[in-house]
Amino acid sequence: MAAKSKSGEELFWELAAPHLASPGIAEGTMMGSRCLRVGGEFTGMIDVRTGELILKLPRERVDALVASGTTEAFAPNGRVFKEWTLVPHGDRRTWKRLIDEAVVFARDGVAS
């Protein structure tokens, strides 16, 4: 019998858990959903409708990820958020790498 795959929400919080042990990183809410906050700034969350990962990254990084086909533009209601990207569910390593990048980006922004 095949193992049940994790939902996007389960995978996100599993990958975010090590960050929650760091000072200034906590769970919060954004748009009525659980999110990861770094220094009070929204950093990442799961789209509750699709289970896809939503992350805040530098605009240039988002542009490169979208151009490569790794992620999609985050455009709720047709409005593109230039520092946010939507990452399809599936690749655990990609999610971990991008969550780690988002935490570093948020920390750098909080520190400046």
PDB file of N, CA and C in Angstrom:
ATOM      1  N   MET A   1       0.842  -1.177   0.000  1.00  0.00           N
ATOM      2  CA  MET A   1       0.000   0.000   0.000  1.00  0.00           C
ATOM      3  C   MET A   1       0.890   1.243   0.000  1.00  0.00           C
ATOM      4  N   ALA A   2       0.595   2.203  -0.868  1.00  0.00           N
ATOM      5  CA  ALA A   2       1.396   3.428  -0.984  1.00  0.00           C
ATOM      6  C   ALA A   2       1.131   4.353   0.199  1.00  0.00           C
ATOM      7  N   ALA A   3       2.178   5.059   0.602  1.00  0.00           N
ATOM      8  CA  ALA A   3       2.037   6.017   1.689  1.00  0.00           C
ATOM      9  C   ALA A   3       1.241   7.221   1.206  1.00  0.00           C
ATOM     10  N   LYS A   4       0.408   7.746   2.083  1.00  0.00           N
ATOM     11  CA  LYS A   4      -0.387   8.929   1.751  1.00  0.00           C
ATOM     12  C   LYS A   4       0.539  10.137   1.675  1.00  0.00           C
ATOM     13  N   SER A   5       0.432  10.893   0.585  1.00  0.00           N
ATOM     14  CA  SER A   5       1.269  12.089   0.464  1.00  0.00           C
ATOM     15  C   SER A   5       0.725  13.172   1.389  1.00  0.00           C
ATOM     16  N   LYS A   6       1.614  14.035   1.819  1.00  0.00           N
ATOM     17  CA  LYS A   6       1.247  15.104   2.733  1.00  0.00           C
ATOM     18  C   LYS A   6       0.525  16.215   1.975  1.00  0.00           C
ATOM     19  N   SER A   7      -0.392  16.854   2.670  1.00  0.00           N
ATOM     20  CA  SER A   7      -1.037  18.023   2.085  1.00  0.00           C
ATOM     21  C   SER A   7      -0.016  19.151   2.033  1.00  0.00           C
ATOM     22  N   GLY A   8      -0.315  20.170   1.243  1.00  0.00           N
ATOM     23  CA  GLY A   8       0.560  21.330   1.182  1.00  0.00           C
ATOM     24  C   GLY A   8       0.748  21.957   2.548  1.00  0.00           C
ATOM     25  N   GLU A   9      -0.326  22.049   3.311  1.00  0.00           N
ATOM     26  CA  GLU A   9      -0.274  22.631   4.660  1.00  0.00           C
ATOM     27  C   GLU A   9       0.656  21.816   5.568  1.00  0.00           C
ATOM     28  N   GLU A  10       0.504  20.495   5.541  1.00  0.00           N
ATOM     29  CA  GLU A  10       1.362  19.635   6.375  1.00  0.00           C
ATOM     30  C   GLU A  10       2.827  19.769   5.980  1.00  0.00           C
ATOM     31  N   LEU A  11       3.107  19.747   4.689  1.00  0.00           N
ATOM     32  CA  LEU A  11       4.487  19.842   4.218  1.00  0.00           C
ATOM     33  C   LEU A  11       5.082  21.208   4.567  1.00  0.00           C
ATOM     34  N   PHE A  12       4.329  22.280   4.358  1.00  0.00           N
ATOM     35  CA  PHE A  12       4.829  23.616   4.672  1.00  0.00           C
ATOM     36  C   PHE A  12       5.241  23.721   6.133  1.00  0.00           C
ATOM     37  N   TRP A  13       4.365  23.322   7.045  1.00  0.00           N
ATOM     38  CA  TRP A  13       4.679  23.463   8.469  1.00  0.00           C
ATOM     39  C   TRP A  13       5.784  22.518   8.910  1.00  0.00           C
ATOM     40  N   GLU A  14       5.889  21.369   8.273  1.00  0.00           N
ATOM     41  CA  GLU A  14       7.016  20.470   8.567  1.00  0.00           C
ATOM     42  C   GLU A  14       8.342  21.130   8.173  1.00  0.00           C
ATOM     43  N   LEU A  15       8.368  21.741   6.989  1.00  0.00           N
ATOM     44  CA  LEU A  15       9.592  22.386   6.508  1.00  0.00           C
ATOM     45  C   LEU A  15       9.871  23.708   7.229  1.00  0.00           C
ATOM     46  N   ALA A  16       8.825  24.375   7.699  1.00  0.00           N
ATOM     47  CA  ALA A  16       8.992  25.647   8.424  1.00  0.00           C
ATOM     48  C   ALA A  16       9.354  25.427   9.888  1.00  0.00           C
ATOM     49  N   ALA A  17       9.061  24.256  10.433  1.00  0.00           N
ATOM     50  CA  ALA A  17       9.254  23.994  11.871  1.00  0.00           C
ATOM     51  C   ALA A  17      10.646  24.351  12.387  1.00  0.00           C
ATOM     52  N   PRO A  18      11.732  23.979  11.710  1.00  0.00           N
ATOM     53  CA  PRO A  18      13.047  24.338  12.238  1.00  0.00           C
ATOM     54  C   PRO A  18      13.240  25.856  12.376  1.00  0.00           C
ATOM     55  N   HIS A  19      12.626  26.623  11.504  1.00  0.00           N
ATOM     56  CA  HIS A  19      12.739  28.080  11.577  1.00  0.00           C
ATOM     57  C   HIS A  19      12.004  28.641  12.793  1.00  0.00           C
ATOM     58  N   LEU A  20      10.928  27.978  13.206  1.00  0.00           N
ATOM     59  CA  LEU A  20      10.129  28.464  14.330  1.00  0.00           C
ATOM     60  C   LEU A  20      10.902  28.438  15.646  1.00  0.00           C
ATOM     61  N   ALA A  21      12.009  27.699  15.687  1.00  0.00           N
ATOM     62  CA  ALA A  21      12.846  27.657  16.883  1.00  0.00           C
ATOM     63  C   ALA A  21      13.778  28.871  16.969  1.00  0.00           C
ATOM     64  N   SER A  22      13.833  29.678  15.902  1.00  0.00           N
ATOM     65  CA  SER A  22      14.719  30.843  15.863  1.00  0.00           C
ATOM     66  C   SER A  22      14.016  32.078  16.410  1.00  0.00           C
ATOM     67  N   PRO A  23      14.760  32.951  17.076  1.00  0.00           N
ATOM     68  CA  PRO A  23      14.161  34.190  17.590  1.00  0.00           C
ATOM     69  C   PRO A  23      13.581  35.033  16.461  1.00  0.00           C
ATOM     70  N   GLY A  24      12.431  35.620  16.714  1.00  0.00           N
ATOM     71  CA  GLY A  24      11.813  36.514  15.742  1.00  0.00           C
ATOM     72  C   GLY A  24      11.015  35.827  14.662  1.00  0.00           C
ATOM     73  N   ILE A  25      10.962  34.498  14.694  1.00  0.00           N
ATOM     74  CA  ILE A  25      10.195  33.762  13.687  1.00  0.00           C
ATOM     75  C   ILE A  25       9.026  33.084  14.397  1.00  0.00           C
ATOM     76  N   ALA A  26       7.821  33.296  13.860  1.00  0.00           N
ATOM     77  CA  ALA A  26       6.627  32.785  14.530  1.00  0.00           C
ATOM     78  C   ALA A  26       5.528  32.489  13.521  1.00  0.00           C
ATOM     79  N   GLU A  27       4.546  31.768  13.999  1.00  0.00           N
ATOM     80  CA  GLU A  27       3.345  31.533  13.210  1.00  0.00           C
ATOM     81  C   GLU A  27       2.413  32.720  13.424  1.00  0.00           C
ATOM     82  N   GLY A  28       1.743  33.114  12.368  1.00  0.00           N
ATOM     83  CA  GLY A  28       0.772  34.194  12.464  1.00  0.00           C
ATOM     84  C   GLY A  28      -0.371  33.924  11.512  1.00  0.00           C
ATOM     85  N   THR A  29      -1.089  34.968  11.149  1.00  0.00           N
ATOM     86  CA  THR A  29      -2.166  34.819  10.166  1.00  0.00           C
ATOM     87  C   THR A  29      -2.026  35.889   9.090  1.00  0.00           C
ATOM     88  N   MET A  30      -2.451  35.519   7.898  1.00  0.00           N
ATOM     89  CA  MET A  30      -2.462  36.427   6.757  1.00  0.00           C
ATOM     90  C   MET A  30      -3.631  36.004   5.873  1.00  0.00           C
ATOM     91  N   MET A  31      -4.470  36.928   5.490  1.00  0.00           N
ATOM     92  CA  MET A  31      -5.642  36.639   4.667  1.00  0.00           C
ATOM     93  C   MET A  31      -6.477  35.515   5.273  1.00  0.00           C
ATOM     94  N   GLY A  32      -6.553  35.479   6.600  1.00  0.00           N
ATOM     95  CA  GLY A  32      -7.361  34.489   7.295  1.00  0.00           C
ATOM     96  C   GLY A  32      -6.754  33.102   7.376  1.00  0.00           C
ATOM     97  N   SER A  33      -5.504  32.947   6.972  1.00  0.00           N
ATOM     98  CA  SER A  33      -4.837  31.641   7.007  1.00  0.00           C
ATOM     99  C   SER A  33      -3.566  31.717   7.849  1.00  0.00           C
ATOM    100  N   ARG A  34      -3.127  30.567   8.308  1.00  0.00           N
ATOM    101  CA  ARG A  34      -1.866  30.494   9.043  1.00  0.00           C
ATOM    102  C   ARG A  34      -0.727  30.891   8.112  1.00  0.00           C
ATOM    103  N   CYS A  35       0.252  31.628   8.663  1.00  0.00           N
ATOM    104  CA  CYS A  35       1.411  32.012   7.867  1.00  0.00           C
ATOM    105  C   CYS A  35       2.659  32.000   8.737  1.00  0.00           C
ATOM    106  N   LEU A  36       3.786  32.056   8.086  1.00  0.00           N
ATOM    107  CA  LEU A  36       5.079  32.169   8.744  1.00  0.00           C
ATOM    108  C   LEU A  36       5.463  33.642   8.721  1.00  0.00           C
ATOM    109  N   ARG A  37       5.858  34.167   9.887  1.00  0.00           N
ATOM    110  CA  ARG A  37       6.285  35.566   9.993  1.00  0.00           C
ATOM    111  C   ARG A  37       7.717  35.617  10.491  1.00  0.00           C
ATOM    112  N   VAL A  38       8.475  36.517   9.913  1.00  0.00           N
ATOM    113  CA  VAL A  38       9.852  36.749  10.343  1.00  0.00           C
ATOM    114  C   VAL A  38       9.931  38.212  10.745  1.00  0.00           C
ATOM    115  N   GLY A  39      10.253  38.470  12.013  1.00  0.00           N
ATOM    116  CA  GLY A  39      10.289  39.842  12.494  1.00  0.00           C
ATOM    117  C   GLY A  39       8.973  40.558  12.297  1.00  0.00           C
ATOM    118  N   GLY A  40       7.877  39.827  12.383  1.00  0.00           N
ATOM    119  CA  GLY A  40       6.554  40.400  12.194  1.00  0.00           C
ATOM    120  C   GLY A  40       6.115  40.517  10.748  1.00  0.00           C
ATOM    121  N   GLU A  41       7.028  40.283   9.802  1.00  0.00           N
ATOM    122  CA  GLU A  41       6.712  40.397   8.371  1.00  0.00           C
ATOM    123  C   GLU A  41       6.167  39.072   7.829  1.00  0.00           C
ATOM    124  N   PHE A  42       5.148  39.160   6.998  1.00  0.00           N
ATOM    125  CA  PHE A  42       4.623  37.975   6.330  1.00  0.00           C
ATOM    126  C   PHE A  42       5.704  37.402   5.435  1.00  0.00           C
ATOM    127  N   THR A  43       5.899  36.085   5.510  1.00  0.00           N
ATOM    128  CA  THR A  43       6.976  35.451   4.759  1.00  0.00           C
ATOM    129  C   THR A  43       6.483  34.325   3.862  1.00  0.00           C
ATOM    130  N   GLY A  44       5.569  33.505   4.357  1.00  0.00           N
ATOM    131  CA  GLY A  44       5.077  32.399   3.556  1.00  0.00           C
ATOM    132  C   GLY A  44       3.809  31.807   4.127  1.00  0.00           C
ATOM    133  N   MET A  45       3.074  31.131   3.261  1.00  0.00           N
ATOM    134  CA  MET A  45       1.827  30.480   3.662  1.00  0.00           C
ATOM    135  C   MET A  45       1.387  29.510   2.568  1.00  0.00           C
ATOM    136  N   ILE A  46       0.315  28.812   2.832  1.00  0.00           N
ATOM    137  CA  ILE A  46      -0.281  27.896   1.869  1.00  0.00           C
ATOM    138  C   ILE A  46      -1.595  28.476   1.354  1.00  0.00           C
ATOM    139  N   ASP A  47      -1.813  28.389   0.065  1.00  0.00           N
ATOM    140  CA  ASP A  47      -3.105  28.755  -0.512  1.00  0.00           C
ATOM    141  C   ASP A  47      -4.079  27.660  -0.096  1.00  0.00           C
ATOM    142  N   VAL A  48      -5.025  27.987   0.759  1.00  0.00           N
ATOM    143  CA  VAL A  48      -5.925  26.977   1.312  1.00  0.00           C
ATOM    144  C   VAL A  48      -6.812  26.328   0.254  1.00  0.00           C
ATOM    145  N   ARG A  49      -7.014  27.000  -0.865  1.00  0.00           N
ATOM    146  CA  ARG A  49      -7.843  26.430  -1.924  1.00  0.00           C
ATOM    147  C   ARG A  49      -7.103  25.369  -2.732  1.00  0.00           C
ATOM    148  N   THR A  50      -5.794  25.617  -2.992  1.00  0.00           N
ATOM    149  CA  THR A  50      -5.047  24.748  -3.904  1.00  0.00           C
ATOM    150  C   THR A  50      -3.957  23.918  -3.226  1.00  0.00           C
ATOM    151  N   GLY A  51      -3.550  24.306  -2.008  1.00  0.00           N
ATOM    152  CA  GLY A  51      -2.449  23.621  -1.331  1.00  0.00           C
ATOM    153  C   GLY A  51      -1.084  24.035  -1.842  1.00  0.00           C
ATOM    154  N   GLU A  52      -1.042  25.099  -2.657  1.00  0.00           N
ATOM    155  CA  GLU A  52       0.227  25.574  -3.200  1.00  0.00           C
ATOM    156  C   GLU A  52       0.891  26.539  -2.212  1.00  0.00           C
ATOM    157  N   LEU A  53       2.209  26.602  -2.293  1.00  0.00           N
ATOM    158  CA  LEU A  53       3.019  27.436  -1.423  1.00  0.00           C
ATOM    159  C   LEU A  53       3.081  28.865  -1.961  1.00  0.00           C
ATOM    160  N   ILE A  54       2.918  29.843  -1.083  1.00  0.00           N
ATOM    161  CA  ILE A  54       3.026  31.254  -1.434  1.00  0.00           C
ATOM    162  C   ILE A  54       4.160  31.837  -0.599  1.00  0.00           C
ATOM    163  N   LEU A  55       5.155  32.429  -1.255  1.00  0.00           N
ATOM    164  CA  LEU A  55       6.327  32.964  -0.559  1.00  0.00           C
ATOM    165  C   LEU A  55       6.673  34.367  -1.014  1.00  0.00           C
ATOM    166  N   LYS A  56       7.256  35.127  -0.089  1.00  0.00           N
ATOM    167  CA  LYS A  56       7.784  36.453  -0.406  1.00  0.00           C
ATOM    168  C   LYS A  56       9.286  36.332  -0.614  1.00  0.00           C
ATOM    169  N   LEU A  57       9.738  36.745  -1.791  1.00  0.00           N
ATOM    170  CA  LEU A  57      11.151  36.698  -2.178  1.00  0.00           C
ATOM    171  C   LEU A  57      11.500  37.992  -2.905  1.00  0.00           C
ATOM    172  N   PRO A  58      12.783  38.265  -3.110  1.00  0.00           N
ATOM    173  CA  PRO A  58      13.142  39.465  -3.875  1.00  0.00           C
ATOM    174  C   PRO A  58      12.504  39.438  -5.275  1.00  0.00           C
ATOM    175  N   ARG A  59      12.097  40.586  -5.738  1.00  0.00           N
ATOM    176  CA  ARG A  59      11.420  40.690  -7.037  1.00  0.00           C
ATOM    177  C   ARG A  59      12.208  40.022  -8.162  1.00  0.00           C
ATOM    178  N   GLU A  60      13.520  40.246  -8.193  1.00  0.00           N
ATOM    179  CA  GLU A  60      14.353  39.658  -9.247  1.00  0.00           C
ATOM    180  C   GLU A  60      14.337  38.129  -9.168  1.00  0.00           C
ATOM    181  N   ARG A  61      14.325  37.599  -7.961  1.00  0.00           N
ATOM    182  CA  ARG A  61      14.281  36.143  -7.773  1.00  0.00           C
ATOM    183  C   ARG A  61      12.932  35.590  -8.233  1.00  0.00           C
ATOM    184  N   VAL A  62      11.864  36.283  -7.886  1.00  0.00           N
ATOM    185  CA  VAL A  62      10.533  35.862  -8.326  1.00  0.00           C
ATOM    186  C   VAL A  62      10.479  35.846  -9.852  1.00  0.00           C
ATOM    187  N   ASP A  63      10.977  36.924 -10.476  1.00  0.00           N
ATOM    188  CA  ASP A  63      10.980  36.987 -11.947  1.00  0.00           C
ATOM    189  C   ASP A  63      11.738  35.805 -12.550  1.00  0.00           C
ATOM    190  N   ALA A  64      12.901  35.466 -11.966  1.00  0.00           N
ATOM    191  CA  ALA A  64      13.713  34.355 -12.487  1.00  0.00           C
ATOM    192  C   ALA A  64      13.006  33.020 -12.292  1.00  0.00           C
ATOM    193  N   LEU A  65      12.390  32.823 -11.140  1.00  0.00           N
ATOM    194  CA  LEU A  65      11.678  31.567 -10.869  1.00  0.00           C
ATOM    195  C   LEU A  65      10.486  31.387 -11.801  1.00  0.00           C
ATOM    196  N   VAL A  66       9.751  32.467 -12.026  1.00  0.00           N
ATOM    197  CA  VAL A  66       8.595  32.405 -12.934  1.00  0.00           C
ATOM    198  C   VAL A  66       9.075  32.138 -14.361  1.00  0.00           C
ATOM    199  N   ALA A  67      10.130  32.837 -14.789  1.00  0.00           N
ATOM    200  CA  ALA A  67      10.665  32.643 -16.145  1.00  0.00           C
ATOM    201  C   ALA A  67      11.155  31.218 -16.366  1.00  0.00           C
ATOM    202  N   SER A  68      11.690  30.591 -15.317  1.00  0.00           N
ATOM    203  CA  SER A  68      12.198  29.219 -15.435  1.00  0.00           C
ATOM    204  C   SER A  68      11.080  28.177 -15.386  1.00  0.00           C
ATOM    205  N   GLY A  69       9.881  28.610 -15.003  1.00  0.00           N
ATOM    206  CA  GLY A  69       8.767  27.672 -14.885  1.00  0.00           C
ATOM    207  C   GLY A  69       8.707  26.966 -13.541  1.00  0.00           C
ATOM    208  N   THR A  70       9.598  27.325 -12.621  1.00  0.00           N
ATOM    209  CA  THR A  70       9.614  26.704 -11.288  1.00  0.00           C
ATOM    210  C   THR A  70       8.422  27.152 -10.467  1.00  0.00           C
ATOM    211  N   THR A  71       8.043  28.427 -10.605  1.00  0.00           N
ATOM    212  CA  THR A  71       6.923  28.981  -9.862  1.00  0.00           C
ATOM    213  C   THR A  71       6.026  29.758 -10.822  1.00  0.00           C
ATOM    214  N   GLU A  72       4.946  30.290 -10.262  1.00  0.00           N
ATOM    215  CA  GLU A  72       4.017  31.106 -11.032  1.00  0.00           C
ATOM    216  C   GLU A  72       3.880  32.451 -10.343  1.00  0.00           C
ATOM    217  N   ALA A  73       3.445  33.443 -11.095  1.00  0.00           N
ATOM    218  CA  ALA A  73       3.163  34.746 -10.494  1.00  0.00           C
ATOM    219  C   ALA A  73       2.026  34.578  -9.491  1.00  0.00           C
ATOM    220  N   PHE A  74       2.134  35.259  -8.372  1.00  0.00           N
ATOM    221  CA  PHE A  74       1.051  35.274  -7.393  1.00  0.00           C
ATOM    222  C   PHE A  74       0.185  36.475  -7.727  1.00  0.00           C
ATOM    223  N   ALA A  75      -1.025  36.189  -8.213  1.00  0.00           N
ATOM    224  CA  ALA A  75      -1.893  37.256  -8.703  1.00  0.00           C
ATOM    225  C   ALA A  75      -3.337  37.034  -8.269  1.00  0.00           C
ATOM    226  N   PRO A  76      -3.600  37.174  -6.962  1.00  0.00           N
ATOM    227  CA  PRO A  76      -4.992  37.019  -6.539  1.00  0.00           C
ATOM    228  C   PRO A  76      -5.851  38.120  -7.154  1.00  0.00           C
ATOM    229  N   ASN A  77      -7.001  37.749  -7.627  1.00  0.00           N
ATOM    230  CA  ASN A  77      -7.933  38.695  -8.262  1.00  0.00           C
ATOM    231  C   ASN A  77      -7.301  39.455  -9.422  1.00  0.00           C
ATOM    232  N   GLY A  78      -6.295  38.844 -10.080  1.00  0.00           N
ATOM    233  CA  GLY A  78      -5.682  39.441 -11.255  1.00  0.00           C
ATOM    234  C   GLY A  78      -4.607  40.478 -10.982  1.00  0.00           C
ATOM    235  N   ARG A  79      -4.342  40.778  -9.722  1.00  0.00           N
ATOM    236  CA  ARG A  79      -3.312  41.767  -9.369  1.00  0.00           C
ATOM    237  C   ARG A  79      -2.027  41.030  -8.989  1.00  0.00           C
ATOM    238  N   VAL A  80      -0.960  41.259  -9.767  1.00  0.00           N
ATOM    239  CA  VAL A  80       0.316  40.576  -9.528  1.00  0.00           C
ATOM    240  C   VAL A  80       1.036  41.230  -8.357  1.00  0.00           C
ATOM    241  N   PHE A  81       1.447  40.409  -7.396  1.00  0.00           N
ATOM    242  CA  PHE A  81       2.262  40.849  -6.280  1.00  0.00           C
ATOM    243  C   PHE A  81       3.705  40.546  -6.661  1.00  0.00           C
ATOM    244  N   LYS A  82       4.494  41.563  -6.929  1.00  0.00           N
ATOM    245  CA  LYS A  82       5.814  41.404  -7.538  1.00  0.00           C
ATOM    246  C   LYS A  82       6.847  40.708  -6.660  1.00  0.00           C
ATOM    247  N   GLU A  83       6.700  40.747  -5.343  1.00  0.00           N
ATOM    248  CA  GLU A  83       7.646  40.059  -4.458  1.00  0.00           C
ATOM    249  C   GLU A  83       7.077  38.759  -3.913  1.00  0.00           C
ATOM    250  N   TRP A  84       5.997  38.276  -4.476  1.00  0.00           N
ATOM    251  CA  TRP A  84       5.371  37.034  -4.027  1.00  0.00           C
ATOM    252  C   TRP A  84       5.293  36.061  -5.193  1.00  0.00           C
ATOM    253  N   THR A  85       5.435  34.779  -4.876  1.00  0.00           N
ATOM    254  CA  THR A  85       5.354  33.760  -5.916  1.00  0.00           C
ATOM    255  C   THR A  85       4.567  32.555  -5.418  1.00  0.00           C
ATOM    256  N   LEU A  86       3.976  31.838  -6.337  1.00  0.00           N
ATOM    257  CA  LEU A  86       3.167  30.662  -6.058  1.00  0.00           C
ATOM    258  C   LEU A  86       3.947  29.431  -6.523  1.00  0.00           C
ATOM    259  N   VAL A  87       4.185  28.512  -5.585  1.00  0.00           N
ATOM    260  CA  VAL A  87       4.991  27.325  -5.888  1.00  0.00           C
ATOM    261  C   VAL A  87       4.077  26.103  -5.883  1.00  0.00           C
ATOM    262  N   PRO A  88       3.968  25.412  -7.026  1.00  0.00           N
ATOM    263  CA  PRO A  88       3.103  24.232  -7.074  1.00  0.00           C
ATOM    264  C   PRO A  88       3.528  23.175  -6.059  1.00  0.00           C
ATOM    265  N   HIS A  89       2.546  22.412  -5.595  1.00  0.00           N
ATOM    266  CA  HIS A  89       2.803  21.341  -4.633  1.00  0.00           C
ATOM    267  C   HIS A  89       3.555  20.197  -5.305  1.00  0.00           C
ATOM    268  N   GLY A  90       4.430  19.575  -4.567  1.00  0.00           N
ATOM    269  CA  GLY A  90       5.072  18.385  -5.099  1.00  0.00           C
ATOM    270  C   GLY A  90       6.513  18.188  -4.704  1.00  0.00           C
ATOM    271  N   ASP A  91       7.375  19.099  -5.075  1.00  0.00           N
ATOM    272  CA  ASP A  91       8.804  18.896  -4.898  1.00  0.00           C
ATOM    273  C   ASP A  91       9.269  19.418  -3.539  1.00  0.00           C
ATOM    274  N   ARG A  92       9.458  18.503  -2.598  1.00  0.00           N
ATOM    275  CA  ARG A  92       9.853  18.827  -1.231  1.00  0.00           C
ATOM    276  C   ARG A  92      11.163  19.629  -1.192  1.00  0.00           C
ATOM    277  N   ARG A  93      12.157  19.223  -1.985  1.00  0.00           N
ATOM    278  CA  ARG A  93      13.447  19.926  -1.963  1.00  0.00           C
ATOM    279  C   ARG A  93      13.309  21.368  -2.436  1.00  0.00           C
ATOM    280  N   THR A  94      12.521  21.568  -3.480  1.00  0.00           N
ATOM    281  CA  THR A  94      12.297  22.929  -3.974  1.00  0.00           C
ATOM    282  C   THR A  94      11.596  23.767  -2.911  1.00  0.00           C
ATOM    283  N   TRP A  95      10.573  23.205  -2.288  1.00  0.00           N
ATOM    284  CA  TRP A  95       9.852  23.928  -1.239  1.00  0.00           C
ATOM    285  C   TRP A  95      10.807  24.294  -0.101  1.00  0.00           C
ATOM    286  N   LYS A  96      11.625  23.360   0.345  1.00  0.00           N
ATOM    287  CA  LYS A  96      12.547  23.634   1.458  1.00  0.00           C
ATOM    288  C   LYS A  96      13.509  24.755   1.088  1.00  0.00           C
ATOM    289  N   ARG A  97      14.101  24.652  -0.084  1.00  0.00           N
ATOM    290  CA  ARG A  97      15.063  25.663  -0.541  1.00  0.00           C
ATOM    291  C   ARG A  97      14.417  27.045  -0.610  1.00  0.00           C
ATOM    292  N   LEU A  98      13.213  27.110  -1.153  1.00  0.00           N
ATOM    293  CA  LEU A  98      12.552  28.405  -1.305  1.00  0.00           C
ATOM    294  C   LEU A  98      12.050  28.963   0.029  1.00  0.00           C
ATOM    295  N   ILE A  99      11.592  28.103   0.923  1.00  0.00           N
ATOM    296  CA  ILE A  99      11.215  28.564   2.265  1.00  0.00           C
ATOM    297  C   ILE A  99      12.440  29.136   2.968  1.00  0.00           C
ATOM    298  N   ASP A 100      13.562  28.440   2.875  1.00  0.00           N
ATOM    299  CA  ASP A 100      14.806  28.937   3.485  1.00  0.00           C
ATOM    300  C   ASP A 100      15.194  30.292   2.887  1.00  0.00           C
ATOM    301  N   GLU A 101      15.078  30.435   1.571  1.00  0.00           N
ATOM    302  CA  GLU A 101      15.389  31.715   0.910  1.00  0.00           C
ATOM    303  C   GLU A 101      14.458  32.825   1.401  1.00  0.00           C
ATOM    304  N   ALA A 102      13.178  32.510   1.550  1.00  0.00           N
ATOM    305  CA  ALA A 102      12.213  33.508   2.001  1.00  0.00           C
ATOM    306  C   ALA A 102      12.528  33.976   3.419  1.00  0.00           C
ATOM    307  N   VAL A 103      12.941  33.057   4.272  1.00  0.00           N
ATOM    308  CA  VAL A 103      13.306  33.418   5.652  1.00  0.00           C
ATOM    309  C   VAL A 103      14.522  34.341   5.647  1.00  0.00           C
ATOM    310  N   VAL A 104      15.528  34.016   4.848  1.00  0.00           N
ATOM    311  CA  VAL A 104      16.722  34.864   4.757  1.00  0.00           C
ATOM    312  C   VAL A 104      16.345  36.243   4.212  1.00  0.00           C
ATOM    313  N   PHE A 105      15.522  36.291   3.170  1.00  0.00           N
ATOM    314  CA  PHE A 105      15.081  37.560   2.598  1.00  0.00           C
ATOM    315  C   PHE A 105      14.357  38.405   3.637  1.00  0.00           C
ATOM    316  N   ALA A 106      13.470  37.783   4.382  1.00  0.00           N
ATOM    317  CA  ALA A 106      12.726  38.515   5.405  1.00  0.00           C
ATOM    318  C   ALA A 106      13.659  38.993   6.513  1.00  0.00           C
ATOM    319  N   ARG A 107      14.572  38.160   6.948  1.00  0.00           N
ATOM    320  CA  ARG A 107      15.530  38.562   7.992  1.00  0.00           C
ATOM    321  C   ARG A 107      16.359  39.741   7.525  1.00  0.00           C
ATOM    322  N   ASP A 108      16.837  39.696   6.285  1.00  0.00           N
ATOM    323  CA  ASP A 108      17.639  40.790   5.740  1.00  0.00           C
ATOM    324  C   ASP A 108      16.820  42.084   5.702  1.00  0.00           C
ATOM    325  N   GLY A 109      15.559  41.961   5.343  1.00  0.00           N
ATOM    326  CA  GLY A 109      14.682  43.142   5.290  1.00  0.00           C
ATOM    327  C   GLY A 109      14.388  43.706   6.664  1.00  0.00           C
ATOM    328  N   VAL A 110      14.228  42.830   7.640  1.00  0.00           N
ATOM    329  CA  VAL A 110      13.961  43.253   9.009  1.00  0.00           C
ATOM    330  C   VAL A 110      15.191  43.924   9.602  1.00  0.00           C
ATOM    331  N   ALA A 111      16.367  43.394   9.235  1.00  0.00           N
ATOM    332  CA  ALA A 111      17.621  43.914   9.794  1.00  0.00           C
ATOM    333  C   ALA A 111      17.975  45.274   9.218  1.00  0.00           C
ATOM    334  N   SER A 112      17.464  45.595   8.015  1.00  0.00           N
ATOM    335  CA  SER A 112      17.866  46.866   7.391  1.00  0.00           C
ATOM    336  C   SER A 112      16.974  48.015   7.771  1.00  0.00           C
TER     337      SER A 112
END
